[in-house]
Amino acid sequence: MGTGVLQGVFGVATGILSARLLGPSGRGELAAIQSWSPFLAMLAMLGLSDAVAYFSGKSPEEAGSAWVSGTTFALVLAPPILFLGHWLMPWLLSAQSTSVVSMARWYLWGLFLIYALQWPPLASIMVKNISSWNKLQLLPSLAWIATLSFGFFIIIDPHFVATTYLVFMFLTSIFVMLVARRTVQGPYSPRLRFLSPMLRYGLPLAISEIPAWLSTVGLPQLFLATLLPPQELGFFAVAL
């Protein structure tokens, strides 16, 4: 509960900071860059982080292998979905400029890499030490606050903000992996025999997450990022 409250407070703070720093058009461009990429990157994970949690709990002595296997399988299997998203991005963001579309494409690839490196070890940590996992849930919010706070000292634009956020999130991914290395039992090597059972477990969960994600997080912003120019989209993002 405490973590949830803190995430809400951080969300209010970052919403104000991003609006003040970027203005309506800049906030709209940032919203467009960050609209479709999280959704597509989540799909590209194929539910493998959920599978890591399940198999880490089922066989604690193989939790390290489950984590590394989940990351490896995600990196190997996701490119077709990412290439499809890359190809569709001009249509998905048809109301945005070519520079925003280009940045959104690179943001998709960078965000997926962070998900692949961070989500599986987080899942294994959740099984082994729920207290540590709970604290690590604050890292994305802290990375976002660090990104926007950094913006006070330089002239920023939405492209810089998106890139800086990816850098901070990559650093948090390294930290999560270090925590997992200390928390989760080894060995830390991928096991091909995990591939089929992980996909059988993870894919139905990934599909079931689509309507839940759209209904609670992203459907209005996804839809409007396709239709609205940056300034109107910026007003909507701040109001939301």
Protein backbone atom coordinates (compact mmCIF):
# COMPACT_ATOMS: atom_id res chain seq x y z
CA MET A 1 0.00 0.00 0.00
CA GLY A 2 2.81 2.38 0.87
CA THR A 3 4.49 1.73 -2.47
CA GLY A 4 1.23 2.37 -4.29
CA VAL A 5 0.73 5.67 -2.48
CA LEU A 6 4.29 6.76 -3.28
CA GLN A 7 3.84 5.85 -6.94
CA GLY A 8 0.70 8.00 -7.00
CA VAL A 9 2.53 10.95 -5.42
CA PHE A 10 5.40 10.56 -7.87
CA GLY A 11 2.88 10.42 -10.73
CA VAL A 12 1.37 13.75 -9.67
CA ALA A 13 4.82 15.34 -9.32
CA THR A 14 6.09 14.10 -12.69
CA GLY A 15 2.86 15.11 -14.41
CA ILE A 16 3.31 18.68 -13.19
CA LEU A 17 7.03 18.75 -13.99
CA SER A 18 6.63 17.43 -17.53
CA ALA A 19 3.82 19.88 -18.28
CA ARG A 20 5.77 22.86 -16.93
CA LEU A 21 9.00 21.93 -18.67
CA LEU A 22 7.66 21.02 -22.09
CA GLY A 23 4.51 23.07 -22.62
CA PRO A 24 1.46 21.80 -24.52
CA SER A 25 3.10 20.89 -27.83
CA GLY A 26 6.20 19.37 -26.23
CA ARG A 27 4.10 17.37 -23.77
CA GLY A 28 1.98 16.14 -26.66
CA GLU A 29 5.03 15.01 -28.61
CA LEU A 30 6.32 13.17 -25.55
CA ALA A 31 2.92 11.53 -25.07
CA ALA A 32 2.99 10.37 -28.69
CA ILE A 33 6.51 8.96 -28.36
CA GLN A 34 5.52 7.08 -25.21
CA SER A 35 2.06 5.95 -26.33
CA TRP A 36 2.37 2.85 -28.50
CA SER A 37 5.87 1.77 -27.49
CA PRO A 38 5.03 0.44 -23.97
CA PHE A 39 2.05 -1.50 -25.35
CA LEU A 40 4.04 -3.10 -28.18
CA ALA A 41 7.04 -3.80 -25.96
CA MET A 42 4.75 -5.48 -23.42
CA LEU A 43 3.32 -7.71 -26.17
CA ALA A 44 6.83 -8.54 -27.39
CA MET A 45 7.68 -9.94 -23.94
CA LEU A 46 5.22 -12.80 -24.69
CA GLY A 47 4.31 -13.16 -21.01
CA LEU A 48 7.76 -14.54 -20.25
CA SER A 49 8.22 -12.51 -17.06
CA ASP A 50 5.04 -14.09 -15.65
CA ALA A 51 6.42 -17.47 -16.64
CA VAL A 52 9.68 -16.70 -14.83
CA ALA A 53 7.73 -15.98 -11.63
CA TYR A 54 5.80 -19.25 -11.94
CA PHE A 55 8.78 -21.48 -12.65
CA SER A 56 10.95 -19.73 -10.05
CA GLY A 57 8.31 -20.50 -7.45
CA LYS A 58 7.79 -24.04 -8.70
CA SER A 59 11.50 -24.88 -8.69
CA PRO A 60 13.38 -22.39 -6.45
CA GLU A 61 16.66 -24.17 -7.07
CA GLU A 62 16.35 -23.23 -10.77
CA ALA A 63 15.19 -19.65 -10.28
CA GLY A 64 18.43 -18.24 -11.70
CA SER A 65 18.12 -20.34 -14.84
CA ALA A 66 14.44 -19.38 -15.18
CA TRP A 67 15.34 -15.68 -15.01
CA VAL A 68 18.16 -15.90 -17.58
CA SER A 69 16.07 -18.16 -19.82
CA GLY A 70 13.19 -15.68 -19.77
CA THR A 71 15.46 -12.82 -20.77
CA THR A 72 17.17 -14.87 -23.48
CA PHE A 73 13.93 -16.14 -25.00
CA ALA A 74 12.47 -12.62 -25.03
CA LEU A 75 15.51 -11.21 -26.83
CA VAL A 76 15.44 -14.02 -29.42
CA LEU A 77 11.69 -14.23 -30.08
CA ALA A 78 10.58 -10.59 -29.90
CA PRO A 79 12.16 -9.03 -33.04
CA PRO A 80 9.27 -9.97 -35.42
CA ILE A 81 6.79 -8.10 -33.18
CA LEU A 82 9.20 -5.18 -32.83
CA PHE A 83 9.80 -4.98 -36.57
CA LEU A 84 6.05 -5.02 -37.14
CA GLY A 85 5.61 -2.18 -34.64
CA HIS A 86 8.50 -0.30 -36.24
CA TRP A 87 6.85 -0.65 -39.66
CA LEU A 88 3.37 0.35 -38.38
CA MET A 89 4.53 3.37 -36.36
CA PRO A 90 3.97 5.98 -39.13
CA TRP A 91 0.35 4.82 -39.38
CA LEU A 92 -0.12 4.50 -35.60
CA LEU A 93 1.16 8.07 -35.18
CA SER A 94 -0.24 9.49 -38.40
CA ALA A 95 -1.03 12.88 -36.80
CA GLN A 96 2.57 13.37 -35.63
CA SER A 97 5.69 14.71 -37.33
CA THR A 98 8.28 12.47 -38.94
CA SER A 99 10.78 13.29 -36.17
CA VAL A 100 8.30 12.13 -33.50
CA VAL A 101 7.60 8.94 -35.45
CA SER A 102 11.33 8.27 -35.79
CA MET A 103 11.90 8.81 -32.08
CA ALA A 104 8.95 6.56 -31.22
CA ARG A 105 10.48 3.78 -33.31
CA TRP A 106 13.78 3.94 -31.44
CA TYR A 107 11.93 4.31 -28.14
CA LEU A 108 10.13 1.03 -28.85
CA TRP A 109 13.38 -0.88 -29.31
CA GLY A 110 15.05 0.71 -26.28
CA LEU A 111 12.06 0.17 -24.02
CA PHE A 112 11.78 -3.48 -25.01
CA LEU A 113 15.46 -4.05 -24.22
CA ILE A 114 14.86 -2.57 -20.76
CA TYR A 115 11.78 -4.77 -20.24
CA ALA A 116 13.73 -7.87 -21.30
CA LEU A 117 16.61 -7.07 -18.95
CA GLN A 118 14.48 -5.91 -16.00
CA TRP A 119 11.19 -7.81 -15.86
CA PRO A 120 12.46 -11.43 -15.64
CA PRO A 121 14.91 -10.75 -12.77
CA LEU A 122 12.20 -8.72 -11.01
CA ALA A 123 9.87 -11.69 -11.31
CA SER A 124 12.44 -14.01 -9.75
CA ILE A 125 13.10 -11.49 -6.96
CA MET A 126 9.35 -11.34 -6.23
CA VAL A 127 9.35 -15.07 -5.54
CA LYS A 128 12.46 -15.02 -3.35
CA ASN A 129 12.10 -11.71 -1.48
CA ILE A 130 8.82 -9.84 -1.81
CA SER A 131 10.09 -6.95 0.32
CA SER A 132 12.96 -6.22 -2.08
CA TRP A 133 10.64 -6.61 -5.06
CA ASN A 134 8.20 -4.12 -3.53
CA LYS A 135 10.90 -1.49 -3.11
CA LEU A 136 12.21 -2.05 -6.62
CA GLN A 137 8.76 -1.17 -8.00
CA LEU A 138 9.62 2.47 -7.30
CA LEU A 139 12.61 2.51 -9.66
CA PRO A 140 10.69 3.56 -12.84
CA SER A 141 9.08 6.45 -10.96
CA LEU A 142 12.46 7.51 -9.56
CA ALA A 143 14.02 7.29 -13.02
CA TRP A 144 11.28 9.54 -14.39
CA ILE A 145 11.75 12.08 -11.60
CA ALA A 146 15.52 12.04 -12.22
CA THR A 147 14.94 12.63 -15.93
CA LEU A 148 12.66 15.63 -15.41
CA SER A 149 14.78 17.08 -12.60
CA PHE A 150 17.79 16.92 -14.89
CA GLY A 151 15.77 18.94 -17.38
CA PHE A 152 15.73 21.95 -15.07
CA PHE A 153 19.43 22.54 -15.71
CA ILE A 154 19.45 22.39 -19.50
CA ILE A 155 17.24 23.23 -22.46
CA ILE A 156 15.19 20.15 -23.15
CA ASP A 157 12.82 18.84 -25.78
CA PRO A 158 10.64 15.70 -25.88
CA HIS A 159 13.30 13.71 -27.75
CA PHE A 160 15.89 14.48 -25.09
CA VAL A 161 13.47 13.58 -22.29
CA ALA A 162 12.57 10.24 -23.89
CA THR A 163 16.23 9.37 -24.51
CA THR A 164 17.33 10.38 -21.01
CA TYR A 165 14.54 8.32 -19.47
CA LEU A 166 15.70 5.25 -21.39
CA VAL A 167 19.25 5.81 -20.12
CA PHE A 168 18.10 6.05 -16.50
CA MET A 169 15.87 3.01 -16.93
CA PHE A 170 18.78 1.04 -18.40
CA LEU A 171 20.79 1.89 -15.28
CA THR A 172 17.94 0.68 -13.07
CA SER A 173 17.90 -2.55 -15.08
CA ILE A 174 21.55 -3.14 -14.25
CA PHE A 175 20.77 -2.49 -10.57
CA VAL A 176 17.85 -4.95 -10.66
CA MET A 177 20.07 -7.63 -12.18
CA LEU A 178 22.68 -7.07 -9.48
CA VAL A 179 20.02 -7.43 -6.79
CA ALA A 180 18.73 -10.58 -8.47
CA ARG A 181 22.26 -11.98 -8.60
CA ARG A 182 22.47 -11.61 -4.81
CA THR A 183 18.92 -12.78 -4.12
CA VAL A 184 18.20 -15.58 -6.57
CA GLN A 185 19.90 -18.96 -6.47
CA GLY A 186 22.08 -19.93 -9.47
CA PRO A 187 23.16 -21.30 -11.86
CA TYR A 188 22.54 -18.37 -14.22
CA SER A 189 22.42 -20.04 -17.59
CA PRO A 190 19.55 -20.38 -20.09
CA ARG A 191 17.88 -23.77 -20.39
CA LEU A 192 16.29 -24.66 -23.73
CA ARG A 193 13.89 -27.06 -22.01
CA PHE A 194 12.20 -24.04 -20.40
CA LEU A 195 11.18 -22.63 -23.80
CA SER A 196 8.03 -24.63 -24.50
CA PRO A 197 6.57 -24.62 -20.96
CA MET A 198 7.33 -20.92 -20.50
CA LEU A 199 5.56 -20.01 -23.73
CA ARG A 200 2.60 -22.28 -22.93
CA TYR A 201 2.26 -20.51 -19.58
CA GLY A 202 3.15 -16.97 -20.64
CA LEU A 203 1.36 -16.49 -23.97
CA PRO A 204 -2.21 -16.85 -22.60
CA LEU A 205 -1.32 -14.37 -19.86
CA ALA A 206 0.13 -11.93 -22.39
CA ILE A 207 -3.08 -12.11 -24.43
CA SER A 208 -5.24 -11.65 -21.33
CA GLU A 209 -3.24 -8.57 -20.35
CA ILE A 210 -4.19 -6.73 -23.57
CA PRO A 211 -7.76 -5.72 -22.60
CA ALA A 212 -6.72 -5.06 -19.00
CA TRP A 213 -3.84 -2.83 -20.11
CA LEU A 214 -6.00 -0.97 -22.62
CA SER A 215 -8.88 -0.41 -20.21
CA THR A 216 -6.76 0.85 -17.31
CA VAL A 217 -3.77 2.49 -18.96
CA GLY A 218 -3.63 3.29 -22.59
CA LEU A 219 -6.66 3.10 -24.89
CA PRO A 220 -7.59 6.81 -24.92
CA GLN A 221 -3.99 7.93 -25.35
CA LEU A 222 -3.28 5.32 -28.04
CA PHE A 223 -6.37 6.35 -29.97
CA LEU A 224 -5.79 10.08 -29.64
CA ALA A 225 -2.06 9.84 -30.43
CA THR A 226 -3.16 8.63 -33.85
CA LEU A 227 -5.66 11.45 -34.38
CA LEU A 228 -4.62 14.59 -32.50
CA PRO A 229 -1.77 17.01 -33.27
CA PRO A 230 0.79 17.58 -30.49
CA GLN A 231 -0.77 20.58 -28.72
CA GLU A 232 -4.21 19.01 -28.30
CA LEU A 233 -2.64 15.70 -27.30
CA GLY A 234 -0.53 17.56 -24.72
CA PHE A 235 -3.62 19.09 -23.11
CA PHE A 236 -5.24 15.66 -22.95
CA ALA A 237 -2.14 14.00 -21.45
CA VAL A 238 -1.87 16.62 -18.69
CA ALA A 239 -5.61 16.46 -17.95
CA LEU A 240 -5.46 12.67 -17.78
